[in-house]
Amino acid sequence: MKSLSIQEMLDDTSGGPIFVLNTSDRVTRAGDVFITINIGNSARPFKVPKTWIPMEVTRTLPRKNILESVHFMEALDKGLITAIPREDAAAIMKMRGYAEEVARLKAREDAAKAEGVAKGIGKNVTVTGSNGEEEEAQQPLKINSKNVSVVSLNDDDEAGDEPTVSASFVGWVNKINALPYDKAIVEIRVRGSMEQEEALYLVENSKHPKIVKSLSKKLGL
């Protein structure tokens, strides 16, 4: 399958969609690839999930900003994603199993959103203290942000996946999950900083809704 370079996409004056494949398994442990695209003064994350079907980046982001993004270029250069012609993307969409894979990804996203709402991080859900005022987890945690990252998280429907975080970090998350909220926050403050992959893993696995809400806000989720 032909891959497209940034220059080839820039030379395409038709202004058509940009399709990419997740090829992280060629260079590292396969996982969801997160890319930060800068639009004006805001940073917009784009996820290329771990799947064999193409994702249209231009569905949610302007083509101009994508092609000017050094982070998008970095992801291409590292081989974490591969840009393909729209004709090849269309051919994949006609392959057997495509509709089922789209449904699987949607079910995964819906489950993640439902879990977020259950943990109190839905858009219309607030966490209130005993005095009725909105309470935010106070944590001066520093996240060592990466503009391009690969995160592989355990999914019930995908046996064999392992988190890209270290075993010691997984053990630490299990430890703070066993603690009451006030003591868990102390542990996070003592730690001081964590990598973006670790923060995403904590969001997915924390048993404390206010920790999930605060970290999700920091990560722009």
N, C-alpha and C. Protein backbone atom coordinates (compact mmCIF):
# COMPACT_ATOMS: atom_id res chain seq x y z
N MET A 1 0.84 -1.20 0.00
CA MET A 1 0.00 0.00 0.00
C MET A 1 0.88 1.25 0.00
N LYS A 2 0.55 2.19 -0.84
CA LYS A 2 1.34 3.42 -0.95
C LYS A 2 1.15 4.30 0.27
N SER A 3 2.25 4.85 0.77
CA SER A 3 2.17 5.81 1.86
C SER A 3 2.46 7.21 1.31
N LEU A 4 1.89 8.20 1.95
CA LEU A 4 2.04 9.58 1.50
C LEU A 4 2.97 10.35 2.43
N SER A 5 3.83 11.15 1.86
CA SER A 5 4.69 12.04 2.64
C SER A 5 3.96 13.35 2.88
N ILE A 6 4.49 14.14 3.80
CA ILE A 6 3.93 15.47 4.04
C ILE A 6 3.95 16.30 2.77
N GLN A 7 5.06 16.23 2.03
CA GLN A 7 5.19 17.03 0.81
C GLN A 7 4.13 16.63 -0.21
N GLU A 8 3.89 15.33 -0.35
CA GLU A 8 2.86 14.88 -1.29
C GLU A 8 1.49 15.39 -0.90
N MET A 9 1.21 15.42 0.39
CA MET A 9 -0.08 15.93 0.85
C MET A 9 -0.17 17.44 0.65
N LEU A 10 0.96 18.15 0.83
CA LEU A 10 0.97 19.60 0.60
C LEU A 10 0.78 19.90 -0.89
N ASP A 11 1.33 19.05 -1.75
CA ASP A 11 1.22 19.27 -3.19
C ASP A 11 -0.18 18.97 -3.72
N ASP A 12 -0.98 18.24 -2.92
CA ASP A 12 -2.34 17.92 -3.32
C ASP A 12 -3.23 19.14 -3.07
N THR A 13 -3.56 19.85 -4.12
CA THR A 13 -4.33 21.10 -3.99
C THR A 13 -5.84 20.86 -3.99
N SER A 14 -6.26 19.61 -4.03
CA SER A 14 -7.69 19.33 -4.08
C SER A 14 -8.37 19.60 -2.74
N GLY A 15 -7.55 19.64 -1.67
CA GLY A 15 -8.12 19.90 -0.35
C GLY A 15 -8.95 18.76 0.19
N GLY A 16 -8.67 17.56 -0.27
CA GLY A 16 -9.44 16.39 0.15
C GLY A 16 -9.08 15.92 1.55
N PRO A 17 -9.75 14.86 2.00
CA PRO A 17 -9.52 14.34 3.35
C PRO A 17 -8.15 13.68 3.49
N ILE A 18 -7.68 13.62 4.73
CA ILE A 18 -6.43 12.94 5.05
C ILE A 18 -6.76 11.70 5.86
N PHE A 19 -6.31 10.54 5.36
CA PHE A 19 -6.53 9.28 6.05
C PHE A 19 -5.20 8.73 6.56
N VAL A 20 -5.21 8.18 7.76
CA VAL A 20 -4.00 7.58 8.33
C VAL A 20 -4.32 6.21 8.90
N LEU A 21 -3.29 5.37 8.93
CA LEU A 21 -3.38 4.06 9.57
C LEU A 21 -2.52 4.07 10.82
N ASN A 22 -2.93 3.34 11.83
CA ASN A 22 -2.12 3.16 13.04
C ASN A 22 -1.11 2.06 12.74
N THR A 23 0.16 2.43 12.66
CA THR A 23 1.23 1.46 12.38
C THR A 23 2.22 1.41 13.53
N SER A 24 1.75 1.71 14.73
CA SER A 24 2.64 1.74 15.90
C SER A 24 3.27 0.39 16.17
N ASP A 25 2.60 -0.71 15.76
CA ASP A 25 3.13 -2.04 16.02
C ASP A 25 4.42 -2.31 15.26
N ARG A 26 4.73 -1.48 14.26
CA ARG A 26 5.96 -1.66 13.49
C ARG A 26 7.18 -1.12 14.21
N VAL A 27 6.95 -0.21 15.18
CA VAL A 27 8.10 0.44 15.84
C VAL A 27 8.10 0.28 17.36
N THR A 28 6.95 -0.09 17.94
CA THR A 28 6.89 -0.23 19.39
C THR A 28 5.70 -1.13 19.71
N ARG A 29 5.37 -1.25 20.98
CA ARG A 29 4.19 -2.01 21.35
C ARG A 29 2.95 -1.31 20.81
N ALA A 30 2.10 -2.05 20.14
CA ALA A 30 0.93 -1.46 19.50
C ALA A 30 0.04 -0.79 20.53
N GLY A 31 -0.53 0.34 20.15
CA GLY A 31 -1.41 1.06 21.06
C GLY A 31 -2.08 2.23 20.37
N ASP A 32 -2.95 2.91 21.08
CA ASP A 32 -3.56 4.13 20.56
C ASP A 32 -2.50 5.21 20.44
N VAL A 33 -2.49 5.92 19.32
CA VAL A 33 -1.51 6.99 19.10
C VAL A 33 -2.21 8.33 19.32
N PHE A 34 -1.68 9.13 20.22
CA PHE A 34 -2.24 10.45 20.52
C PHE A 34 -1.32 11.52 19.94
N ILE A 35 -1.89 12.42 19.15
CA ILE A 35 -1.13 13.48 18.50
C ILE A 35 -1.76 14.82 18.85
N THR A 36 -0.93 15.77 19.24
CA THR A 36 -1.42 17.11 19.55
C THR A 36 -1.32 17.99 18.31
N ILE A 37 -2.45 18.58 17.91
CA ILE A 37 -2.49 19.49 16.77
C ILE A 37 -2.81 20.88 17.30
N ASN A 38 -1.94 21.85 17.02
CA ASN A 38 -2.16 23.21 17.48
C ASN A 38 -3.06 23.96 16.51
N ILE A 39 -4.14 24.55 17.06
CA ILE A 39 -5.05 25.37 16.27
C ILE A 39 -5.19 26.71 16.98
N GLY A 40 -4.55 27.72 16.43
CA GLY A 40 -4.52 29.02 17.11
C GLY A 40 -3.77 28.89 18.42
N ASN A 41 -4.42 29.29 19.51
CA ASN A 41 -3.79 29.21 20.83
C ASN A 41 -4.19 27.96 21.59
N SER A 42 -4.90 27.06 20.95
CA SER A 42 -5.34 25.85 21.64
C SER A 42 -4.66 24.62 21.06
N ALA A 43 -4.50 23.61 21.89
CA ALA A 43 -3.91 22.34 21.48
C ALA A 43 -5.01 21.29 21.46
N ARG A 44 -5.23 20.69 20.31
CA ARG A 44 -6.30 19.72 20.15
C ARG A 44 -5.70 18.33 20.01
N PRO A 45 -6.05 17.40 20.91
CA PRO A 45 -5.54 16.04 20.78
C PRO A 45 -6.33 15.26 19.73
N PHE A 46 -5.63 14.43 18.97
CA PHE A 46 -6.30 13.55 18.02
C PHE A 46 -5.82 12.13 18.29
N LYS A 47 -6.77 11.20 18.39
CA LYS A 47 -6.41 9.82 18.67
C LYS A 47 -6.56 8.96 17.44
N VAL A 48 -5.50 8.21 17.12
CA VAL A 48 -5.58 7.19 16.08
C VAL A 48 -5.62 5.85 16.82
N PRO A 49 -6.79 5.26 16.98
CA PRO A 49 -6.91 4.06 17.80
C PRO A 49 -6.17 2.86 17.20
N LYS A 50 -5.91 1.90 18.06
CA LYS A 50 -5.25 0.67 17.62
C LYS A 50 -6.26 -0.14 16.82
N THR A 51 -6.15 -0.05 15.50
CA THR A 51 -7.09 -0.72 14.61
C THR A 51 -6.46 -0.85 13.24
N TRP A 52 -7.03 -1.68 12.40
CA TRP A 52 -6.49 -1.87 11.04
C TRP A 52 -7.18 -0.99 10.02
N ILE A 53 -8.25 -0.31 10.42
CA ILE A 53 -8.99 0.51 9.47
C ILE A 53 -8.45 1.95 9.48
N PRO A 54 -8.60 2.68 8.37
CA PRO A 54 -8.07 4.06 8.32
C PRO A 54 -8.94 5.03 9.12
N MET A 55 -8.29 6.04 9.65
CA MET A 55 -8.96 7.12 10.36
C MET A 55 -8.82 8.41 9.55
N GLU A 56 -9.91 9.16 9.42
CA GLU A 56 -9.87 10.43 8.71
C GLU A 56 -9.56 11.55 9.69
N VAL A 57 -8.34 12.08 9.64
CA VAL A 57 -7.93 13.14 10.56
C VAL A 57 -8.71 14.42 10.30
N THR A 58 -9.02 14.68 9.05
CA THR A 58 -9.71 15.92 8.69
C THR A 58 -11.19 15.92 9.06
N ARG A 59 -11.67 14.82 9.61
CA ARG A 59 -13.07 14.78 10.04
C ARG A 59 -13.31 15.75 11.19
N THR A 60 -12.28 15.96 12.03
CA THR A 60 -12.44 16.84 13.20
C THR A 60 -11.42 17.97 13.25
N LEU A 61 -10.44 17.95 12.34
CA LEU A 61 -9.39 18.96 12.38
C LEU A 61 -9.16 19.55 10.99
N PRO A 62 -8.82 20.85 10.91
CA PRO A 62 -8.58 21.48 9.61
C PRO A 62 -7.34 20.91 8.93
N ARG A 63 -7.44 20.68 7.64
CA ARG A 63 -6.34 20.11 6.87
C ARG A 63 -5.08 20.97 6.98
N LYS A 64 -5.24 22.29 6.91
CA LYS A 64 -4.10 23.21 6.95
C LYS A 64 -3.32 23.03 8.26
N ASN A 65 -4.01 22.97 9.39
CA ASN A 65 -3.34 22.83 10.68
C ASN A 65 -2.66 21.47 10.82
N ILE A 66 -3.27 20.45 10.25
CA ILE A 66 -2.68 19.11 10.31
C ILE A 66 -1.34 19.10 9.58
N LEU A 67 -1.34 19.61 8.36
CA LEU A 67 -0.13 19.57 7.53
C LEU A 67 0.96 20.51 8.03
N GLU A 68 0.59 21.52 8.81
CA GLU A 68 1.59 22.43 9.38
C GLU A 68 2.08 21.96 10.75
N SER A 69 1.49 20.88 11.26
CA SER A 69 1.81 20.42 12.61
C SER A 69 3.13 19.63 12.64
N VAL A 70 4.07 20.09 13.45
CA VAL A 70 5.33 19.35 13.60
C VAL A 70 5.09 18.03 14.32
N HIS A 71 4.04 17.97 15.13
CA HIS A 71 3.75 16.74 15.86
C HIS A 71 3.16 15.67 14.95
N PHE A 72 2.34 16.10 13.99
CA PHE A 72 1.83 15.17 12.99
C PHE A 72 2.98 14.64 12.15
N MET A 73 3.91 15.52 11.78
CA MET A 73 5.08 15.12 11.02
C MET A 73 5.94 14.14 11.82
N GLU A 74 6.07 14.42 13.12
CA GLU A 74 6.86 13.55 13.98
C GLU A 74 6.27 12.14 14.03
N ALA A 75 4.94 12.07 14.15
CA ALA A 75 4.27 10.76 14.19
C ALA A 75 4.48 10.00 12.89
N LEU A 76 4.45 10.73 11.75
CA LEU A 76 4.71 10.09 10.46
C LEU A 76 6.16 9.63 10.36
N ASP A 77 7.10 10.50 10.76
CA ASP A 77 8.52 10.18 10.67
C ASP A 77 8.89 8.97 11.52
N LYS A 78 8.25 8.86 12.68
CA LYS A 78 8.54 7.74 13.58
C LYS A 78 7.86 6.45 13.14
N GLY A 79 6.94 6.56 12.19
CA GLY A 79 6.25 5.38 11.72
C GLY A 79 5.10 4.94 12.60
N LEU A 80 4.72 5.81 13.56
CA LEU A 80 3.60 5.46 14.43
C LEU A 80 2.28 5.48 13.68
N ILE A 81 2.20 6.37 12.67
CA ILE A 81 1.04 6.41 11.78
C ILE A 81 1.56 6.47 10.35
N THR A 82 0.71 6.08 9.42
CA THR A 82 1.06 6.15 8.00
C THR A 82 -0.09 6.78 7.25
N ALA A 83 0.20 7.84 6.50
CA ALA A 83 -0.83 8.49 5.68
C ALA A 83 -0.97 7.71 4.38
N ILE A 84 -2.22 7.49 3.96
CA ILE A 84 -2.46 6.72 2.74
C ILE A 84 -3.40 7.50 1.81
N PRO A 85 -3.33 7.21 0.51
CA PRO A 85 -4.23 7.89 -0.43
C PRO A 85 -5.69 7.56 -0.13
N ARG A 86 -6.57 8.48 -0.47
CA ARG A 86 -8.00 8.26 -0.18
C ARG A 86 -8.54 7.05 -0.94
N GLU A 87 -7.93 6.74 -2.12
CA GLU A 87 -8.36 5.57 -2.88
C GLU A 87 -8.08 4.29 -2.11
N ASP A 88 -6.92 4.23 -1.46
CA ASP A 88 -6.58 3.05 -0.67
C ASP A 88 -7.48 2.96 0.57
N ALA A 89 -7.77 4.12 1.16
CA ALA A 89 -8.66 4.14 2.32
C ALA A 89 -10.04 3.62 1.92
N ALA A 90 -10.50 4.06 0.74
CA ALA A 90 -11.82 3.62 0.27
C ALA A 90 -11.83 2.12 0.03
N ALA A 91 -10.70 1.58 -0.47
CA ALA A 91 -10.61 0.14 -0.72
C ALA A 91 -10.69 -0.65 0.58
N ILE A 92 -10.04 -0.14 1.62
CA ILE A 92 -10.07 -0.82 2.92
C ILE A 92 -11.49 -0.80 3.49
N MET A 93 -12.17 0.30 3.29
CA MET A 93 -13.54 0.43 3.81
C MET A 93 -14.50 -0.58 3.17
N LYS A 94 -14.11 -1.14 2.01
CA LYS A 94 -14.95 -2.12 1.34
C LYS A 94 -14.60 -3.55 1.75
N MET A 95 -13.55 -3.69 2.56
CA MET A 95 -13.10 -5.02 2.95
C MET A 95 -14.05 -5.66 3.94
N ARG A 96 -14.06 -7.00 3.94
CA ARG A 96 -14.88 -7.74 4.87
C ARG A 96 -14.43 -7.45 6.31
N GLY A 97 -15.38 -7.20 7.16
CA GLY A 97 -15.07 -6.95 8.56
C GLY A 97 -14.96 -5.48 8.92
N TYR A 98 -15.01 -4.59 7.89
CA TYR A 98 -14.86 -3.16 8.16
C TYR A 98 -15.99 -2.65 9.05
N ALA A 99 -17.23 -2.97 8.71
CA ALA A 99 -18.37 -2.47 9.49
C ALA A 99 -18.31 -2.97 10.93
N GLU A 100 -17.89 -4.23 11.08
CA GLU A 100 -17.78 -4.79 12.44
C GLU A 100 -16.70 -4.07 13.25
N GLU A 101 -15.60 -3.69 12.58
CA GLU A 101 -14.53 -2.99 13.29
C GLU A 101 -14.96 -1.57 13.68
N VAL A 102 -15.71 -0.91 12.80
CA VAL A 102 -16.25 0.41 13.12
C VAL A 102 -17.16 0.31 14.35
N ALA A 103 -18.00 -0.73 14.37
CA ALA A 103 -18.92 -0.94 15.50
C ALA A 103 -18.15 -1.22 16.78
N ARG A 104 -17.05 -1.98 16.67
CA ARG A 104 -16.24 -2.29 17.86
C ARG A 104 -15.62 -1.03 18.44
N LEU A 105 -15.08 -0.19 17.57
CA LEU A 105 -14.46 1.05 18.04
C LEU A 105 -15.48 1.98 18.68
N LYS A 106 -16.67 2.05 18.06
CA LYS A 106 -17.73 2.89 18.63
C LYS A 106 -18.16 2.38 19.99
N ALA A 107 -18.28 1.06 20.11
CA ALA A 107 -18.67 0.47 21.40
C ALA A 107 -17.61 0.76 22.46
N ARG A 108 -16.35 0.73 22.04
CA ARG A 108 -15.25 1.02 22.97
C ARG A 108 -15.31 2.46 23.45
N GLU A 109 -15.56 3.39 22.51
CA GLU A 109 -15.65 4.80 22.87
C GLU A 109 -16.87 5.06 23.76
N ASP A 110 -18.00 4.43 23.41
CA ASP A 110 -19.22 4.61 24.21
C ASP A 110 -19.01 4.10 25.63
N ALA A 111 -18.32 2.96 25.75
CA ALA A 111 -18.06 2.39 27.07
C ALA A 111 -17.16 3.30 27.90
N ALA A 112 -16.16 3.91 27.24
CA ALA A 112 -15.26 4.82 27.93
C ALA A 112 -16.00 6.06 28.41
N LYS A 113 -16.91 6.59 27.55
CA LYS A 113 -17.69 7.76 27.94
C LYS A 113 -18.62 7.43 29.09
N ALA A 114 -19.25 6.26 29.01
CA ALA A 114 -20.17 5.85 30.08
C ALA A 114 -19.44 5.68 31.39
N GLU A 115 -18.23 5.13 31.32
CA GLU A 115 -17.43 4.96 32.54
C GLU A 115 -17.04 6.31 33.10
N GLY A 116 -16.72 7.27 32.20
CA GLY A 116 -16.37 8.60 32.66
C GLY A 116 -17.52 9.27 33.38
N VAL A 117 -18.74 9.12 32.83
CA VAL A 117 -19.92 9.70 33.47
C VAL A 117 -20.14 9.04 34.83
N ALA A 118 -19.96 7.73 34.89
CA ALA A 118 -20.16 7.00 36.15
C ALA A 118 -19.17 7.45 37.21
N LYS A 119 -17.97 7.88 36.74
CA LYS A 119 -16.95 8.33 37.67
C LYS A 119 -17.08 9.81 38.00
N GLY A 120 -18.08 10.47 37.39
CA GLY A 120 -18.33 11.86 37.72
C GLY A 120 -17.58 12.85 36.87
N ILE A 121 -17.20 12.47 35.62
CA ILE A 121 -16.46 13.42 34.79
C ILE A 121 -17.24 13.76 33.52
N GLY A 122 -18.54 13.48 33.49
CA GLY A 122 -19.37 13.88 32.36
C GLY A 122 -19.51 15.38 32.31
N LYS A 123 -19.85 15.91 31.16
CA LYS A 123 -19.94 17.36 30.99
C LYS A 123 -20.99 17.97 31.92
N ASN A 124 -22.05 17.23 32.21
CA ASN A 124 -23.13 17.77 33.03
C ASN A 124 -23.09 17.24 34.46
N VAL A 125 -21.96 16.72 34.87
CA VAL A 125 -21.82 16.17 36.21
C VAL A 125 -20.76 16.94 36.97
N THR A 126 -21.06 17.35 38.16
CA THR A 126 -20.08 18.02 38.99
C THR A 126 -19.93 17.25 40.29
N VAL A 127 -18.78 17.39 40.90
CA VAL A 127 -18.53 16.77 42.19
C VAL A 127 -18.67 17.85 43.24
N THR A 128 -19.57 17.68 44.18
CA THR A 128 -19.79 18.71 45.18
C THR A 128 -19.35 18.24 46.55
N GLY A 129 -18.90 19.20 47.35
CA GLY A 129 -18.52 18.91 48.72
C GLY A 129 -19.71 19.00 49.64
N SER A 130 -19.47 18.83 50.92
CA SER A 130 -20.55 18.82 51.88
C SER A 130 -21.26 20.16 51.98
N ASN A 131 -20.56 21.24 51.58
CA ASN A 131 -21.17 22.57 51.65
C ASN A 131 -21.92 22.93 50.37
N GLY A 132 -21.99 21.99 49.42
CA GLY A 132 -22.75 22.21 48.20
C GLY A 132 -21.98 22.92 47.11
N GLU A 133 -20.75 23.36 47.39
CA GLU A 133 -19.96 24.04 46.38
C GLU A 133 -19.15 23.01 45.60
N GLU A 134 -18.92 23.37 44.35
CA GLU A 134 -18.15 22.44 43.52
C GLU A 134 -16.76 22.28 44.10
N GLU A 135 -16.34 21.03 44.18
CA GLU A 135 -15.05 20.73 44.79
C GLU A 135 -14.12 20.15 43.74
N GLU A 136 -12.96 20.69 43.64
CA GLU A 136 -11.97 20.23 42.67
C GLU A 136 -10.80 19.63 43.42
N ALA A 137 -10.29 18.52 42.93
CA ALA A 137 -9.14 17.90 43.58
C ALA A 137 -7.94 18.84 43.47
N GLN A 138 -7.40 19.23 44.58
CA GLN A 138 -6.27 20.16 44.59
C GLN A 138 -4.98 19.36 44.50
N GLN A 139 -4.39 19.33 43.32
CA GLN A 139 -3.17 18.56 43.17
C GLN A 139 -2.20 19.30 42.23
N PRO A 140 -1.05 19.73 42.74
CA PRO A 140 -0.09 20.44 41.93
C PRO A 140 0.76 19.48 41.11
N LEU A 141 0.12 18.43 40.57
CA LEU A 141 0.84 17.41 39.84
C LEU A 141 1.33 17.94 38.50
N LYS A 142 2.57 17.70 38.20
CA LYS A 142 3.13 18.09 36.91
C LYS A 142 3.09 16.89 35.98
N ILE A 143 2.54 17.09 34.78
CA ILE A 143 2.51 16.03 33.79
C ILE A 143 3.55 16.35 32.72
N ASN A 144 4.51 15.45 32.54
CA ASN A 144 5.53 15.65 31.53
C ASN A 144 4.92 15.35 30.17
N SER A 145 4.37 16.38 29.57
CA SER A 145 3.56 16.21 28.35
C SER A 145 4.41 15.82 27.16
N LYS A 146 3.87 14.92 26.37
CA LYS A 146 4.46 14.53 25.09
C LYS A 146 3.43 14.85 24.02
N ASN A 147 3.88 15.48 22.96
CA ASN A 147 2.95 15.88 21.91
C ASN A 147 2.59 14.72 20.99
N VAL A 148 3.38 13.66 21.03
CA VAL A 148 3.06 12.43 20.33
C VAL A 148 3.33 11.29 21.27
N SER A 149 2.35 10.45 21.50
CA SER A 149 2.56 9.34 22.41
C SER A 149 1.73 8.15 21.99
N VAL A 150 2.17 6.97 22.44
CA VAL A 150 1.44 5.74 22.20
C VAL A 150 1.03 5.18 23.54
N VAL A 151 -0.23 4.91 23.69
CA VAL A 151 -0.74 4.38 24.95
C VAL A 151 -1.50 3.11 24.68
N SER A 152 -1.05 2.02 25.29
CA SER A 152 -1.75 0.75 25.15
C SER A 152 -2.33 0.39 26.49
N LEU A 153 -3.66 0.36 26.56
CA LEU A 153 -4.34 0.08 27.82
C LEU A 153 -5.08 -1.23 27.72
N ASN A 154 -5.24 -1.91 28.85
CA ASN A 154 -5.95 -3.18 28.86
C ASN A 154 -7.40 -3.01 28.47
N ASP A 155 -7.87 -3.77 27.51
CA ASP A 155 -9.27 -3.80 27.11
C ASP A 155 -9.81 -5.19 27.35
N ASP A 156 -11.01 -5.27 27.87
CA ASP A 156 -11.59 -6.58 28.15
C ASP A 156 -11.76 -7.41 26.89
N ASP A 157 -11.94 -6.71 25.75
CA ASP A 157 -12.20 -7.44 24.51
C ASP A 157 -10.94 -7.69 23.70
N GLU A 158 -9.79 -7.33 24.24
CA GLU A 158 -8.56 -7.53 23.52
C GLU A 158 -7.53 -8.19 24.42
N ALA A 159 -7.52 -9.49 24.40
CA ALA A 159 -6.60 -10.22 25.25
C ALA A 159 -5.17 -9.97 24.79
N GLY A 160 -4.27 -9.93 25.75
CA GLY A 160 -2.86 -9.78 25.43
C GLY A 160 -2.36 -8.37 25.50
N ASP A 161 -3.23 -7.37 25.59
CA ASP A 161 -2.77 -5.99 25.71
C ASP A 161 -2.13 -5.77 27.07
N GLU A 162 -1.11 -4.96 27.10
CA GLU A 162 -0.47 -4.61 28.36
C GLU A 162 -0.22 -3.12 28.36
N PRO A 163 -0.28 -2.48 29.53
CA PRO A 163 -0.01 -1.05 29.56
C PRO A 163 1.44 -0.75 29.24
N THR A 164 1.70 0.39 28.61
CA THR A 164 3.07 0.76 28.30
C THR A 164 3.77 1.34 29.52
N VAL A 165 3.06 1.53 30.62
CA VAL A 165 3.69 2.03 31.84
C VAL A 165 4.44 0.89 32.52
N SER A 166 5.31 1.26 33.45
CA SER A 166 6.12 0.25 34.13
C SER A 166 5.29 -0.54 35.14
N ALA A 167 5.81 -1.71 35.50
CA ALA A 167 5.13 -2.55 36.49
C ALA A 167 5.06 -1.84 37.84
N SER A 168 6.09 -1.06 38.14
CA SER A 168 6.10 -0.35 39.43
C SER A 168 5.01 0.72 39.46
N PHE A 169 4.74 1.37 38.31
CA PHE A 169 3.68 2.38 38.28
C PHE A 169 2.31 1.72 38.42
N VAL A 170 2.13 0.57 37.78
CA VAL A 170 0.87 -0.17 37.92
C VAL A 170 0.66 -0.53 39.39
N GLY A 171 1.73 -0.95 40.06
CA GLY A 171 1.64 -1.28 41.48
C GLY A 171 1.29 -0.06 42.32
N TRP A 172 1.84 1.11 41.93
CA TRP A 172 1.55 2.35 42.66
C TRP A 172 0.09 2.73 42.50
N VAL A 173 -0.45 2.59 41.28
CA VAL A 173 -1.87 2.89 41.04
C VAL A 173 -2.75 1.97 41.89
N ASN A 174 -2.39 0.70 41.94
CA ASN A 174 -3.15 -0.24 42.77
C ASN A 174 -3.10 0.16 44.24
N LYS A 175 -1.95 0.68 44.64
CA LYS A 175 -1.78 1.11 46.04
C LYS A 175 -2.70 2.28 46.37
N ILE A 176 -2.73 3.33 45.50
CA ILE A 176 -3.55 4.50 45.82
C ILE A 176 -5.04 4.19 45.65
N ASN A 177 -5.37 3.19 44.83
CA ASN A 177 -6.77 2.78 44.70
C ASN A 177 -7.29 2.17 46.00
N ALA A 178 -6.37 1.60 46.77
CA ALA A 178 -6.76 0.97 48.03
C ALA A 178 -6.84 1.97 49.18
N LEU A 179 -6.40 3.21 48.90
CA LEU A 179 -6.39 4.24 49.94
C LEU A 179 -7.64 5.10 49.85
N PRO A 180 -8.06 5.73 50.96
CA PRO A 180 -9.14 6.72 50.88
C PRO A 180 -8.65 7.92 50.08
N TYR A 181 -9.60 8.72 49.57
CA TYR A 181 -9.27 9.80 48.66
C TYR A 181 -8.23 10.76 49.22
N ASP A 182 -8.38 11.20 50.48
CA ASP A 182 -7.46 12.20 51.03
C ASP A 182 -6.03 11.68 51.09
N LYS A 183 -5.87 10.38 51.38
CA LYS A 183 -4.52 9.82 51.43
C LYS A 183 -3.98 9.56 50.02
N ALA A 184 -4.87 9.25 49.09
CA ALA A 184 -4.44 9.04 47.70
C ALA A 184 -3.88 10.33 47.12
N ILE A 185 -4.53 11.47 47.43
CA ILE A 185 -4.05 12.78 46.96
C ILE A 185 -2.67 13.08 47.52
N VAL A 186 -2.45 12.72 48.77
CA VAL A 186 -1.13 12.93 49.38
C VAL A 186 -0.07 12.15 48.61
N GLU A 187 -0.39 10.91 48.25
CA GLU A 187 0.55 10.08 47.49
C GLU A 187 0.88 10.72 46.13
N ILE A 188 -0.13 11.30 45.49
CA ILE A 188 0.09 11.93 44.19
C ILE A 188 0.96 13.17 44.35
N ARG A 189 0.70 13.94 45.40
CA ARG A 189 1.52 15.14 45.64
C ARG A 189 2.97 14.77 45.93
N VAL A 190 3.16 13.69 46.67
CA VAL A 190 4.52 13.25 46.99
C VAL A 190 5.25 12.82 45.71
N ARG A 191 4.51 12.16 44.80
CA ARG A 191 5.13 11.71 43.55
C ARG A 191 5.60 12.91 42.73
N GLY A 192 4.77 13.96 42.66
CA GLY A 192 5.20 15.21 42.04
C GLY A 192 5.01 15.31 40.55
N SER A 193 5.35 14.28 39.78
CA SER A 193 5.22 14.34 38.33
C SER A 193 5.05 12.94 37.76
N MET A 194 4.54 12.88 36.55
CA MET A 194 4.42 11.60 35.86
C MET A 194 4.38 11.86 34.37
N GLU A 195 4.71 10.84 33.59
CA GLU A 195 4.66 10.95 32.15
C GLU A 195 3.21 10.94 31.68
N GLN A 196 2.98 11.43 30.46
CA GLN A 196 1.61 11.51 29.95
C GLN A 196 0.98 10.13 29.87
N GLU A 197 1.77 9.12 29.44
CA GLU A 197 1.23 7.77 29.37
C GLU A 197 0.76 7.30 30.75
N GLU A 198 1.54 7.66 31.77
CA GLU A 198 1.18 7.27 33.13
C GLU A 198 -0.09 7.98 33.59
N ALA A 199 -0.20 9.27 33.23
CA ALA A 199 -1.40 10.02 33.61
C ALA A 199 -2.64 9.44 32.94
N LEU A 200 -2.52 9.06 31.67
CA LEU A 200 -3.64 8.46 30.96
C LEU A 200 -4.02 7.11 31.57
N TYR A 201 -3.00 6.35 31.97
CA TYR A 201 -3.27 5.06 32.62
C TYR A 201 -4.00 5.27 33.94
N LEU A 202 -3.59 6.30 34.68
CA LEU A 202 -4.24 6.59 35.96
C LEU A 202 -5.68 7.01 35.75
N VAL A 203 -5.94 7.81 34.71
CA VAL A 203 -7.32 8.21 34.41
C VAL A 203 -8.19 6.99 34.14
N GLU A 204 -7.64 6.03 33.39
CA GLU A 204 -8.41 4.85 33.01
C GLU A 204 -8.61 3.89 34.18
N ASN A 205 -7.72 3.94 35.16
CA ASN A 205 -7.75 2.90 36.20
C ASN A 205 -7.97 3.39 37.63
N SER A 206 -8.06 4.70 37.82
CA SER A 206 -8.25 5.22 39.17
C SER A 206 -9.66 4.91 39.69
N LYS A 207 -9.74 4.60 40.97
CA LYS A 207 -11.02 4.34 41.63
C LYS A 207 -11.58 5.61 42.28
N HIS A 208 -10.85 6.72 42.15
CA HIS A 208 -11.27 7.97 42.79
C HIS A 208 -11.79 8.95 41.73
N PRO A 209 -13.09 9.20 41.68
CA PRO A 209 -13.68 10.06 40.64
C PRO A 209 -13.06 11.45 40.55
N LYS A 210 -12.73 12.06 41.70
CA LYS A 210 -12.20 13.43 41.66
C LYS A 210 -10.78 13.46 41.08
N ILE A 211 -10.02 12.39 41.30
CA ILE A 211 -8.69 12.30 40.69
C ILE A 211 -8.84 12.18 39.18
N VAL A 212 -9.78 11.34 38.74
CA VAL A 212 -10.05 11.17 37.31
C VAL A 212 -10.45 12.50 36.68
N LYS A 213 -11.35 13.23 37.35
CA LYS A 213 -11.84 14.50 36.82
C LYS A 213 -10.71 15.51 36.69
N SER A 214 -9.88 15.63 37.72
CA SER A 214 -8.81 16.62 37.71
C SER A 214 -7.76 16.29 36.64
N LEU A 215 -7.36 15.00 36.57
CA LEU A 215 -6.36 14.61 35.59
C LEU A 215 -6.90 14.75 34.17
N SER A 216 -8.17 14.40 33.97
CA SER A 216 -8.77 14.53 32.65
C SER A 216 -8.75 15.98 32.19
N LYS A 217 -8.99 16.90 33.12
CA LYS A 217 -8.95 18.33 32.81
C LYS A 217 -7.55 18.75 32.40
N LYS A 218 -6.54 18.26 33.14
CA LYS A 218 -5.14 18.60 32.82
C LYS A 218 -4.74 18.07 31.44
N LEU A 219 -5.27 16.89 31.10
CA LEU A 219 -4.90 16.25 29.85
C LEU A 219 -5.75 16.73 28.67
N GLY A 220 -6.79 17.50 28.97
CA GLY A 220 -7.66 18.00 27.91
C GLY A 220 -8.58 16.96 27.35
N LEU A 221 -8.96 15.98 28.18
CA LEU A 221 -9.84 14.91 27.71
C LEU A 221 -11.29 15.33 27.77
